[in-house]
Amino acid sequence: MNKLLTGAMTGAMMFGGFAAQAADDVTLQLKWVTQAQFAGYYVALDNGFYEEEGLNVDIKPGGPDIAPSQVIAGGGADVVLDWMPSALASREKGLNVVNIAQPFASSGMMLTCRKDSGIASPADFAGKTLGVWFFGNEYPFLSWMSQLGLSTDGGDDGVTVLKQGFNVDPILQGQADCVSTMTYNEYWQIIDAGLTPDDLIVFKYEDQGVATLEDGMYVLEENLNDAAFVDKMVRFVRASMKGWKWAEENPDAAAMIVLDNDASGAQTEEHQKRMMGEIAKLTAGSNGALDIAAYERTVASLMSGGSDPVITMEPTGAWTHAITDEALK
């Protein structure tokens, strides 16, 4: 893939003077709704970092029923934010998405359970009902269950999967013993709803040896043959990472920028500031370039699911450093 991009990069550089002056449109599809999880992009937009790079960026919010892979496949975005399990699963199914940058260095995914459900360890999941996000978000969970040897078809020897939506109501209303949560979001929704940390037991995916990379930037492989597109992505990644580092250094101000861009008005200042503080822990230490060791751990986890792994083959061409190599000069 890096060889493939060399010619495109060279061509882009030849026209760099023109590209820097053009207001090139870029559509970004988010993984979830407008929140501090995406602060770096909103900071780059509001602080003029994209404009400085000659870009006109349109940020499209996501949600529980929006799969970024489907959006980019349908031509609805130039670049999408997705979790690597979803991206690699999509690639194996024929959608050739490529990771061009990885702002998130750590995983924030957890399974949060009520202690009164009788769950004290993963060995107690059998026979329980677990809330799971879908539309590409289910793959880390399915990989974990497969490694534990637990069917997701229900019964005493498996787990019952409850499709989890936008909120954490299933654990609050007793519909599920556990729900999917992120360190920066849904866990705190449970706490804000009245349960205490002592009422809960939390299983971080990283602690269970099934951590996978989250919130990477992905584009279609075919577009990386276009010099103008490559140049546009170099500028987009450079401005986005500038936004992320600014957000890490100014978390409260970044949270307020997110709120200013939330058309729904559903987010609160307290929650977004707290979220930004947690997000900064996940992006810390990343300059945007994909860590190959972390990529390989993700692939190994997804392929180690016994008889039903998330992916069945070692991916090829699923990432490139060509964009970040140029953007981070």
Protein backbone atom coordinates (compact mmCIF):
# COMPACT_ATOMS: atom_id res chain seq x y z
CA MET A 1 0.00 0.00 0.00
CA ASN A 2 2.82 2.44 0.81
CA LYS A 3 4.32 1.79 -2.66
CA LEU A 4 0.93 2.32 -4.21
CA LEU A 5 0.71 5.75 -2.66
CA THR A 6 4.16 6.97 -3.65
CA GLY A 7 3.08 8.13 -7.10
CA ALA A 8 -0.09 9.69 -5.78
CA MET A 9 1.85 11.55 -3.10
CA THR A 10 4.34 12.84 -5.66
CA GLY A 11 1.57 14.08 -7.91
CA ALA A 12 -0.13 15.78 -4.99
CA MET A 13 3.09 17.55 -4.06
CA MET A 14 3.48 18.87 -7.62
CA PHE A 15 0.14 20.60 -7.33
CA GLY A 16 0.62 21.57 -3.70
CA GLY A 17 0.58 25.30 -4.36
CA PHE A 18 -2.81 25.09 -6.02
CA ALA A 19 -4.20 22.66 -3.45
CA ALA A 20 -3.20 24.88 -0.56
CA GLN A 21 -5.30 27.71 -2.03
CA ALA A 22 -8.34 25.66 -2.98
CA ALA A 23 -11.27 25.27 -0.65
CA ASP A 24 -11.57 21.51 -1.01
CA ASP A 25 -14.69 19.87 0.41
CA VAL A 26 -14.28 16.99 2.87
CA THR A 27 -17.19 15.11 4.44
CA LEU A 28 -16.41 13.35 7.71
CA GLN A 29 -18.81 10.73 9.12
CA LEU A 30 -18.60 10.37 12.88
CA LYS A 31 -18.94 7.09 14.74
CA TRP A 32 -21.50 8.46 17.19
CA VAL A 33 -23.48 11.59 18.04
CA THR A 34 -21.84 14.98 18.56
CA GLN A 35 -19.85 14.70 21.79
CA ALA A 36 -16.33 15.12 23.19
CA GLN A 37 -15.35 11.76 21.68
CA PHE A 38 -14.87 13.82 18.49
CA ALA A 39 -13.57 17.02 20.06
CA GLY A 40 -10.42 17.16 17.93
CA TYR A 41 -12.45 17.53 14.73
CA TYR A 42 -14.79 20.18 16.10
CA VAL A 43 -11.81 22.06 17.54
CA ALA A 44 -10.09 21.96 14.14
CA LEU A 45 -13.27 23.27 12.54
CA ASP A 46 -13.95 26.05 15.05
CA ASN A 47 -10.33 27.17 15.45
CA GLY A 48 -9.86 27.46 11.70
CA PHE A 49 -7.31 24.65 11.40
CA TYR A 50 -9.17 23.13 8.46
CA GLU A 51 -9.56 26.51 6.82
CA GLU A 52 -5.81 27.09 7.16
CA GLU A 53 -5.31 23.88 5.18
CA GLY A 54 -7.67 24.98 2.43
CA LEU A 55 -10.45 22.62 3.50
CA ASN A 56 -14.20 23.04 3.85
CA VAL A 57 -15.11 20.22 6.25
CA ASP A 58 -18.65 18.98 6.83
CA ILE A 59 -18.95 16.86 10.00
CA LYS A 60 -21.87 14.45 9.98
CA PRO A 61 -22.99 13.07 13.39
CA GLY A 62 -23.60 9.35 13.74
CA GLY A 63 -25.71 7.28 16.10
CA PRO A 64 -26.61 3.74 17.18
CA ASP A 65 -28.23 2.95 13.81
CA ILE A 66 -25.54 4.45 11.59
CA ALA A 67 -22.69 2.25 10.36
CA PRO A 68 -19.80 4.35 9.02
CA SER A 69 -18.81 1.55 6.65
CA GLN A 70 -22.24 1.69 5.02
CA VAL A 71 -22.04 5.47 4.73
CA ILE A 72 -18.68 5.45 2.95
CA ALA A 73 -19.72 2.52 0.76
CA GLY A 74 -22.70 4.55 -0.38
CA GLY A 75 -20.60 7.61 -1.17
CA GLY A 76 -21.90 9.60 1.79
CA ALA A 77 -18.48 10.52 3.18
CA ASP A 78 -14.87 10.94 2.12
CA VAL A 79 -13.49 9.72 5.44
CA VAL A 80 -15.18 7.93 8.34
CA LEU A 81 -14.33 7.28 11.95
CA ASP A 82 -14.70 3.63 12.85
CA TRP A 83 -13.47 1.01 15.26
CA MET A 84 -10.91 -1.30 13.74
CA PRO A 85 -12.92 -4.52 14.33
CA SER A 86 -15.75 -3.11 12.25
CA ALA A 87 -13.38 -1.81 9.58
CA LEU A 88 -11.49 -5.09 9.26
CA ALA A 89 -14.71 -7.11 9.21
CA SER A 90 -16.01 -4.84 6.44
CA ARG A 91 -12.75 -5.25 4.52
CA GLU A 92 -12.95 -9.03 4.70
CA LYS A 93 -16.48 -8.81 3.32
CA GLY A 94 -15.27 -6.82 0.32
CA LEU A 95 -15.39 -3.14 1.34
CA ASN A 96 -11.77 -2.04 0.96
CA VAL A 97 -11.44 0.56 3.70
CA VAL A 98 -7.95 1.62 4.75
CA ASN A 99 -6.80 3.12 8.06
CA ILE A 100 -4.95 6.38 7.28
CA ALA A 101 -4.60 7.68 10.85
CA GLN A 102 -5.20 6.51 14.43
CA PRO A 103 -5.73 9.35 16.95
CA PHE A 104 -6.93 6.96 19.70
CA ALA A 105 -4.06 5.00 21.24
CA SER A 106 -6.11 3.16 23.90
CA SER A 107 -9.48 1.45 24.18
CA GLY A 108 -12.27 2.86 26.32
CA MET A 109 -14.70 -0.04 25.89
CA MET A 110 -16.17 -1.82 28.91
CA LEU A 111 -18.98 -4.15 29.93
CA THR A 112 -20.66 -2.78 33.04
CA CYS A 113 -22.74 -5.16 35.19
CA ARG A 114 -24.91 -4.90 38.27
CA LYS A 115 -23.38 -6.72 41.21
CA ASP A 116 -26.83 -7.89 42.29
CA SER A 117 -26.98 -9.90 39.05
CA GLY A 118 -24.54 -12.34 40.63
CA ILE A 119 -21.77 -11.59 38.15
CA ALA A 120 -18.33 -11.43 39.72
CA SER A 121 -16.20 -12.52 36.76
CA PRO A 122 -16.64 -13.39 33.07
CA ALA A 123 -17.20 -16.99 34.17
CA ASP A 124 -20.60 -15.80 35.47
CA PHE A 125 -21.84 -14.45 32.12
CA ALA A 126 -23.49 -17.74 31.14
CA GLY A 127 -27.26 -17.49 31.36
CA LYS A 128 -27.19 -13.68 31.61
CA THR A 129 -28.55 -10.94 29.37
CA LEU A 130 -25.95 -8.53 28.03
CA GLY A 131 -26.60 -5.26 26.23
CA VAL A 132 -24.60 -4.85 23.02
CA TRP A 133 -24.33 -2.10 20.40
CA PHE A 134 -24.68 -3.18 16.79
CA PHE A 135 -24.01 -1.61 13.37
CA GLY A 136 -20.34 -2.60 13.58
CA ASN A 137 -19.92 -2.02 17.31
CA GLU A 138 -20.68 -5.63 18.20
CA TYR A 139 -17.46 -7.15 16.89
CA PRO A 140 -15.24 -6.70 19.98
CA PHE A 141 -18.01 -8.22 22.11
CA LEU A 142 -18.54 -11.17 19.75
CA SER A 143 -14.80 -11.82 19.69
CA TRP A 144 -14.67 -11.84 23.49
CA MET A 145 -17.65 -14.18 23.84
CA SER A 146 -16.18 -16.52 21.25
CA GLN A 147 -12.89 -16.62 23.14
CA LEU A 148 -14.82 -17.42 26.33
CA GLY A 149 -16.62 -20.23 24.51
CA LEU A 150 -20.02 -18.64 25.10
CA SER A 151 -22.77 -18.83 22.52
CA THR A 152 -24.66 -15.61 21.86
CA ASP A 153 -27.88 -17.50 21.15
CA GLY A 154 -29.05 -17.54 24.75
CA GLY A 155 -29.67 -20.47 27.05
CA ASP A 156 -27.98 -21.54 30.26
CA ASP A 157 -24.66 -22.19 28.52
CA GLY A 158 -24.62 -18.97 26.51
CA VAL A 159 -25.57 -15.33 26.79
CA THR A 160 -28.69 -13.55 25.62
CA VAL A 161 -27.80 -10.49 23.56
CA LEU A 162 -30.00 -7.43 23.96
CA LYS A 163 -29.61 -4.87 21.19
CA GLN A 164 -28.61 -1.74 23.06
CA GLY A 165 -29.66 1.66 21.82
CA PHE A 166 -28.69 5.22 22.64
CA ASN A 167 -29.04 4.99 26.41
CA VAL A 168 -28.34 2.67 29.37
CA ASP A 169 -31.97 2.04 30.28
CA PRO A 170 -31.64 -1.78 30.05
CA ILE A 171 -29.41 -1.95 33.13
CA LEU A 172 -31.41 0.68 35.00
CA GLN A 173 -34.74 -1.02 34.32
CA GLY A 174 -33.56 -4.58 34.92
CA GLN A 175 -33.82 -5.64 31.27
CA ALA A 176 -30.13 -6.58 31.13
CA ASP A 177 -27.58 -7.76 33.68
CA CYS A 178 -24.80 -5.87 31.89
CA VAL A 179 -24.58 -3.18 29.23
CA SER A 180 -21.86 -1.94 26.92
CA THR A 181 -20.26 1.27 28.17
CA MET A 182 -17.32 3.51 27.38
CA THR A 183 -15.01 4.91 30.04
CA TYR A 184 -15.94 8.40 28.90
CA ASN A 185 -19.70 8.15 28.39
CA GLU A 186 -22.23 5.47 29.25
CA TYR A 187 -20.60 4.43 32.52
CA TRP A 188 -21.17 7.95 33.81
CA GLN A 189 -24.75 7.91 32.55
CA ILE A 190 -25.35 4.95 34.87
CA ILE A 191 -23.76 6.82 37.77
CA ASP A 192 -25.75 9.97 37.03
CA ALA A 193 -28.94 7.87 36.99
CA GLY A 194 -28.42 6.91 40.63
CA LEU A 195 -26.39 3.71 40.78
CA THR A 196 -23.06 3.94 42.58
CA PRO A 197 -19.68 2.41 41.69
CA ASP A 198 -20.27 -0.02 44.58
CA ASP A 199 -23.43 -1.25 42.82
CA LEU A 200 -21.45 -2.14 39.72
CA ILE A 201 -18.66 -4.37 38.47
CA VAL A 202 -16.78 -3.24 35.39
CA PHE A 203 -14.88 -5.35 32.88
CA LYS A 204 -12.55 -3.31 30.71
CA TYR A 205 -11.84 -4.96 27.39
CA GLU A 206 -8.16 -4.03 27.71
CA ASP A 207 -7.97 -5.89 31.04
CA GLN A 208 -9.60 -8.95 29.45
CA GLY A 209 -6.98 -9.17 26.73
CA VAL A 210 -9.47 -8.31 23.98
CA ALA A 211 -8.73 -4.60 23.55
CA THR A 212 -9.04 -3.43 19.96
CA LEU A 213 -8.30 -0.08 18.35
CA GLU A 214 -11.10 2.47 18.26
CA ASP A 215 -11.89 5.70 16.39
CA GLY A 216 -9.45 5.48 13.50
CA MET A 217 -9.78 7.42 10.23
CA TYR A 218 -10.71 5.27 7.24
CA VAL A 219 -11.04 5.94 3.51
CA LEU A 220 -11.74 3.78 0.49
CA GLU A 221 -8.60 2.19 -0.95
CA GLU A 222 -9.52 3.13 -4.52
CA ASN A 223 -9.45 6.83 -3.60
CA LEU A 224 -5.81 6.57 -2.54
CA ASN A 225 -4.87 6.26 -6.23
CA ASP A 226 -6.06 9.85 -6.73
CA ALA A 227 -3.29 12.40 -6.08
CA ALA A 228 -5.77 15.19 -5.30
CA PHE A 229 -7.60 13.02 -2.76
CA VAL A 230 -4.34 11.98 -1.08
CA ASP A 231 -3.26 15.61 -0.79
CA LYS A 232 -6.64 16.48 0.70
CA MET A 233 -6.34 13.70 3.29
CA VAL A 234 -2.81 14.80 4.24
CA ARG A 235 -4.15 18.26 5.00
CA PHE A 236 -7.20 16.84 6.76
CA VAL A 237 -5.13 14.59 9.05
CA ARG A 238 -2.65 17.37 9.83
CA ALA A 239 -5.42 19.79 10.84
CA SER A 240 -7.34 17.10 12.76
CA MET A 241 -4.30 16.11 14.82
CA LYS A 242 -3.63 19.77 15.55
CA GLY A 243 -7.20 19.88 16.83
CA TRP A 244 -6.69 16.79 18.98
CA LYS A 245 -3.54 18.10 20.64
CA TRP A 246 -5.25 21.44 21.30
CA ALA A 247 -8.20 19.57 22.85
CA GLU A 248 -5.87 17.57 25.11
CA GLU A 249 -4.23 20.77 26.34
CA ASN A 250 -7.52 22.68 26.70
CA PRO A 251 -10.10 20.06 27.70
CA ASP A 252 -12.73 22.37 29.15
CA ALA A 253 -12.57 24.77 26.23
CA ALA A 254 -12.72 21.82 23.81
CA ALA A 255 -15.84 20.52 25.56
CA MET A 256 -17.51 23.91 25.14
CA ILE A 257 -16.69 23.89 21.41
CA VAL A 258 -18.38 20.48 21.16
CA LEU A 259 -21.45 21.85 22.92
CA ASP A 260 -21.57 24.79 20.53
CA ASN A 261 -21.72 22.31 17.64
CA ASP A 262 -24.37 20.04 19.15
CA ALA A 263 -27.51 20.87 17.22
CA SER A 264 -29.56 18.45 19.33
CA GLY A 265 -28.92 20.35 22.55
CA ALA A 266 -28.99 17.00 24.36
CA GLN A 267 -25.52 17.24 25.92
CA THR A 268 -24.69 18.93 29.22
CA GLU A 269 -21.62 20.97 30.09
CA GLU A 270 -20.76 18.79 33.09
CA HIS A 271 -20.95 15.56 31.10
CA GLN A 272 -18.97 16.88 28.14
CA LYS A 273 -16.18 18.30 30.30
CA ARG A 274 -15.92 15.01 32.17
CA MET A 275 -15.98 13.11 28.87
CA MET A 276 -13.23 15.26 27.38
CA GLY A 277 -11.04 14.54 30.41
CA GLU A 278 -11.46 10.80 29.84
CA ILE A 279 -11.02 11.07 26.07
CA ALA A 280 -7.71 12.89 26.55
CA LYS A 281 -6.41 9.76 28.31
CA LEU A 282 -7.17 7.68 25.20
CA THR A 283 -5.58 10.05 22.68
CA ALA A 284 -2.56 10.85 24.87
CA GLY A 285 0.73 9.81 23.29
CA SER A 286 -0.70 9.45 19.79
CA ASN A 287 0.52 11.66 16.98
CA GLY A 288 -2.00 10.09 14.63
CA ALA A 289 0.26 7.44 13.12
CA LEU A 290 -1.01 3.88 13.51
CA ASP A 291 0.95 1.84 16.06
CA ILE A 292 1.67 -1.39 14.22
CA ALA A 293 2.01 -3.41 17.44
CA ALA A 294 -1.47 -2.26 18.49
CA TYR A 295 -2.78 -3.12 15.02
CA GLU A 296 -1.30 -6.61 15.25
CA ARG A 297 -2.82 -7.13 18.72
CA THR A 298 -6.21 -6.12 17.34
CA VAL A 299 -5.91 -8.54 14.43
CA ALA A 300 -4.79 -11.36 16.74
CA SER A 301 -7.75 -10.75 19.03
CA LEU A 302 -10.23 -10.74 16.16
CA MET A 303 -8.82 -13.95 14.69
CA SER A 304 -8.72 -15.85 17.99
CA GLY A 305 -12.43 -16.41 18.35
CA GLY A 306 -12.41 -20.19 18.16
CA SER A 307 -14.87 -21.56 15.62
CA ASP A 308 -16.46 -18.17 14.98
CA PRO A 309 -13.76 -15.46 14.73
CA VAL A 310 -14.63 -11.91 13.65
CA ILE A 311 -12.13 -12.16 10.79
CA THR A 312 -10.77 -15.38 9.33
CA MET A 313 -7.74 -14.14 7.39
CA GLU A 314 -4.74 -11.93 8.08
CA PRO A 315 -5.67 -8.60 6.44
CA THR A 316 -3.47 -7.13 3.73
CA GLY A 317 -3.46 -3.47 2.70
CA ALA A 318 -5.70 -2.48 5.61
CA TRP A 319 -3.54 0.45 6.70
CA THR A 320 -1.02 2.93 5.40
CA HIS A 321 1.44 5.35 6.98
CA ALA A 322 1.77 7.35 3.78
CA ILE A 323 -0.76 10.00 4.86
CA THR A 324 0.59 10.50 8.37
CA ASP A 325 4.21 10.38 7.17
CA GLU A 326 3.47 13.43 5.03
CA ALA A 327 1.06 15.14 7.43
CA LEU A 328 3.42 14.95 10.41
CA LYS A 329 6.51 16.33 8.66
